[in-house]
Amino acid sequence: MAKSEKHEQWAADRVQYIRGLKSPNEQQRLMVILTDKADKTAQDVKTLSLLIQAEQAAEKAQEARARVMNLIQAEKRAEAKAARKARDNALYQSAGLLIMSGLVDSQTGKPVDDTAALLGALASLNDLSRDNPKWSDWKIRGQELLNSKKSDSTV
């Protein structure tokens, strides 16, 4: 298909598209009118040519906006995926702490003791004021456990 034939086919397809629009803009309405006009003057041909160029530019701009929106959405999905991955990793690490403390079985992933009792103990721990001296003792004990775990994994 020659370039002028492609151009004419695009214009004909675009006019059909515009006819299907509920509210075409002024430029699009004029393009349809001039396309349908039987005896076009030289000015009509020039105006129609400019309207076609403008419509092509508008179509390209719309396609570019769609590509940009797709990129933005893909970026948002990637960010959400990274955030989910970071959250999941933090949850796995928290589960690992329960395993290291001996409260959860590493093979089954189930609490060693009664689930309700474990939850109650953790809730009571959370209720304890953070300036209570027990937190300092627990931090020292926890650091010792973490250090022993690190030394076990490097051996």
Protein backbone atom coordinates (compact mmCIF):
# COMPACT_ATOMS: atom_id res chain seq x y z
CA MET A 1 0.00 0.00 0.00
CA ALA A 2 1.43 3.39 -1.00
CA LYS A 3 1.93 6.15 1.54
CA SER A 4 -0.95 8.25 0.17
CA GLU A 5 -3.25 5.20 0.21
CA LYS A 6 -2.32 4.51 3.84
CA HIS A 7 -2.92 8.18 4.62
CA GLU A 8 -6.34 8.10 2.96
CA GLN A 9 -7.25 4.82 4.66
CA TRP A 10 -6.21 6.21 8.04
CA ALA A 11 -8.33 9.33 7.41
CA ALA A 12 -11.34 7.23 6.37
CA ASP A 13 -10.97 4.98 9.44
CA ARG A 14 -10.57 7.99 11.69
CA VAL A 15 -13.69 9.66 10.29
CA GLN A 16 -15.62 6.44 11.01
CA TYR A 17 -14.22 6.48 14.53
CA ILE A 18 -15.21 10.14 14.99
CA ARG A 19 -18.74 9.41 13.78
CA GLY A 20 -19.04 6.89 16.61
CA LEU A 21 -18.04 9.39 19.28
CA LYS A 22 -20.80 10.75 21.51
CA SER A 23 -19.34 14.23 21.60
CA PRO A 24 -16.58 14.88 19.07
CA ASN A 25 -14.71 18.16 19.44
CA GLU A 26 -15.17 21.07 17.01
CA GLN A 27 -12.10 20.09 15.02
CA GLN A 28 -13.38 16.53 14.59
CA ARG A 29 -16.85 17.70 13.55
CA LEU A 30 -15.32 19.97 10.90
CA MET A 31 -13.15 17.08 9.66
CA VAL A 32 -16.26 14.92 9.14
CA ILE A 33 -18.12 17.75 7.39
CA LEU A 34 -15.23 18.44 5.01
CA THR A 35 -14.72 14.73 4.34
CA ASP A 36 -18.39 14.39 3.36
CA LYS A 37 -18.39 17.55 1.21
CA ALA A 38 -18.65 16.57 -2.46
CA ASP A 39 -17.15 19.62 -4.21
CA LYS A 40 -14.26 20.75 -2.04
CA THR A 41 -12.55 24.04 -2.74
CA ALA A 42 -8.78 24.41 -2.57
CA GLN A 43 -9.23 25.98 0.87
CA ASP A 44 -11.40 23.03 1.97
CA VAL A 45 -8.70 20.56 0.88
CA LYS A 46 -6.04 22.57 2.71
CA THR A 47 -8.18 22.81 5.86
CA LEU A 48 -9.00 19.08 5.71
CA SER A 49 -5.32 18.25 5.33
CA LEU A 50 -4.47 20.34 8.39
CA LEU A 51 -7.34 18.78 10.37
CA ILE A 52 -6.08 15.30 9.46
CA GLN A 53 -2.58 16.24 10.59
CA ALA A 54 -3.96 17.61 13.85
CA GLU A 55 -6.05 14.46 14.39
CA GLN A 56 -3.02 12.27 13.74
CA ALA A 57 -1.02 14.31 16.23
CA ALA A 58 -3.84 14.03 18.77
CA GLU A 59 -3.96 10.25 18.27
CA LYS A 60 -0.18 9.98 18.74
CA ALA A 61 -0.39 12.13 21.86
CA GLN A 62 -3.16 9.91 23.25
CA GLU A 63 -1.08 6.80 22.52
CA ALA A 64 1.92 8.41 24.22
CA ARG A 65 -0.21 9.26 27.27
CA ALA A 66 -1.41 5.65 27.39
CA ARG A 67 2.19 4.38 27.23
CA VAL A 68 3.19 6.77 30.03
CA MET A 69 0.25 5.64 32.16
CA ASN A 70 1.22 2.01 31.55
CA LEU A 71 4.77 2.78 32.67
CA ILE A 72 3.50 4.58 35.77
CA GLN A 73 1.20 1.67 36.62
CA ALA A 74 4.03 -0.82 36.08
CA GLU A 75 6.25 1.26 38.38
CA LYS A 76 3.51 1.36 41.03
CA ARG A 77 3.08 -2.42 40.75
CA ALA A 78 6.85 -2.89 41.09
CA GLU A 79 6.93 -0.62 44.16
CA ALA A 80 3.98 -2.47 45.71
CA LYS A 81 5.68 -5.79 44.99
CA ALA A 82 8.91 -4.56 46.60
CA ALA A 83 6.97 -3.32 49.63
CA ARG A 84 5.15 -6.67 49.93
CA LYS A 85 8.47 -8.49 49.61
CA ALA A 86 10.04 -6.33 52.35
CA ARG A 87 6.98 -6.86 54.57
CA ASP A 88 7.05 -10.62 53.98
CA ASN A 89 10.76 -10.69 54.78
CA ALA A 90 10.16 -8.81 58.05
CA LEU A 91 7.38 -11.28 58.95
CA TYR A 92 9.67 -14.23 58.23
CA GLN A 93 12.33 -12.68 60.44
CA SER A 94 9.76 -12.22 63.22
CA ALA A 95 8.76 -15.86 62.87
CA GLY A 96 12.45 -16.71 63.03
CA LEU A 97 12.71 -14.91 66.35
CA LEU A 98 9.87 -17.03 67.73
CA ILE A 99 11.69 -20.14 66.52
CA MET A 100 15.01 -18.98 68.03
CA SER A 101 13.28 -18.33 71.36
CA GLY A 102 11.95 -21.90 71.35
CA LEU A 103 8.32 -20.79 71.30
CA VAL A 104 7.67 -22.13 67.78
CA ASP A 105 8.76 -25.46 66.33
CA SER A 106 11.06 -24.88 63.35
CA GLN A 107 9.86 -28.03 61.54
CA THR A 108 6.11 -27.56 61.82
CA GLY A 109 5.92 -23.80 62.31
CA LYS A 110 3.43 -24.38 65.12
CA PRO A 111 3.69 -22.99 68.64
CA VAL A 112 5.31 -25.39 71.12
CA ASP A 113 2.76 -24.51 73.81
CA ASP A 114 -0.93 -23.67 73.73
CA THR A 115 -1.64 -20.98 71.12
CA ALA A 116 -3.89 -18.97 73.43
CA ALA A 117 -1.28 -19.07 76.21
CA LEU A 118 1.45 -17.91 73.80
CA LEU A 119 -0.72 -15.08 72.52
CA GLY A 120 -1.62 -14.05 76.07
CA ALA A 121 2.04 -14.05 77.11
CA LEU A 122 3.03 -11.94 74.09
CA ALA A 123 0.15 -9.52 74.70
CA SER A 124 1.22 -9.19 78.36
CA LEU A 125 4.78 -8.56 77.20
CA ASN A 126 3.51 -5.82 74.89
CA ASP A 127 1.56 -4.27 77.78
CA LEU A 128 4.73 -3.99 79.86
CA SER A 129 6.07 -0.43 79.90
CA ARG A 130 9.13 -0.04 77.67
CA ASP A 131 11.05 1.66 80.49
CA ASN A 132 10.65 -1.42 82.72
CA PRO A 133 14.13 -2.80 83.58
CA LYS A 134 13.08 -6.25 82.34
CA TRP A 135 13.37 -4.91 78.76
CA SER A 136 17.09 -4.26 79.31
CA ASP A 137 17.57 -7.79 80.67
CA TRP A 138 15.64 -9.26 77.74
CA LYS A 139 17.68 -7.23 75.27
CA ILE A 140 20.93 -8.61 76.70
CA ARG A 141 19.59 -12.18 76.61
CA GLY A 142 18.26 -11.69 73.08
CA GLN A 143 21.54 -10.30 71.84
CA GLU A 144 23.33 -13.32 73.30
CA LEU A 145 20.94 -15.64 71.44
CA LEU A 146 21.43 -13.71 68.19
CA ASN A 147 25.21 -13.77 68.61
CA SER A 148 25.18 -17.51 69.28
CA LYS A 149 23.00 -18.05 66.21
CA LYS A 150 25.47 -16.02 64.10
CA SER A 151 28.43 -17.95 65.44
CA ASP A 152 26.59 -21.26 64.82
CA SER A 153 25.90 -20.32 61.19
CA THR A 154 29.54 -19.31 60.51
CA VAL A 155 30.97 -22.60 61.78
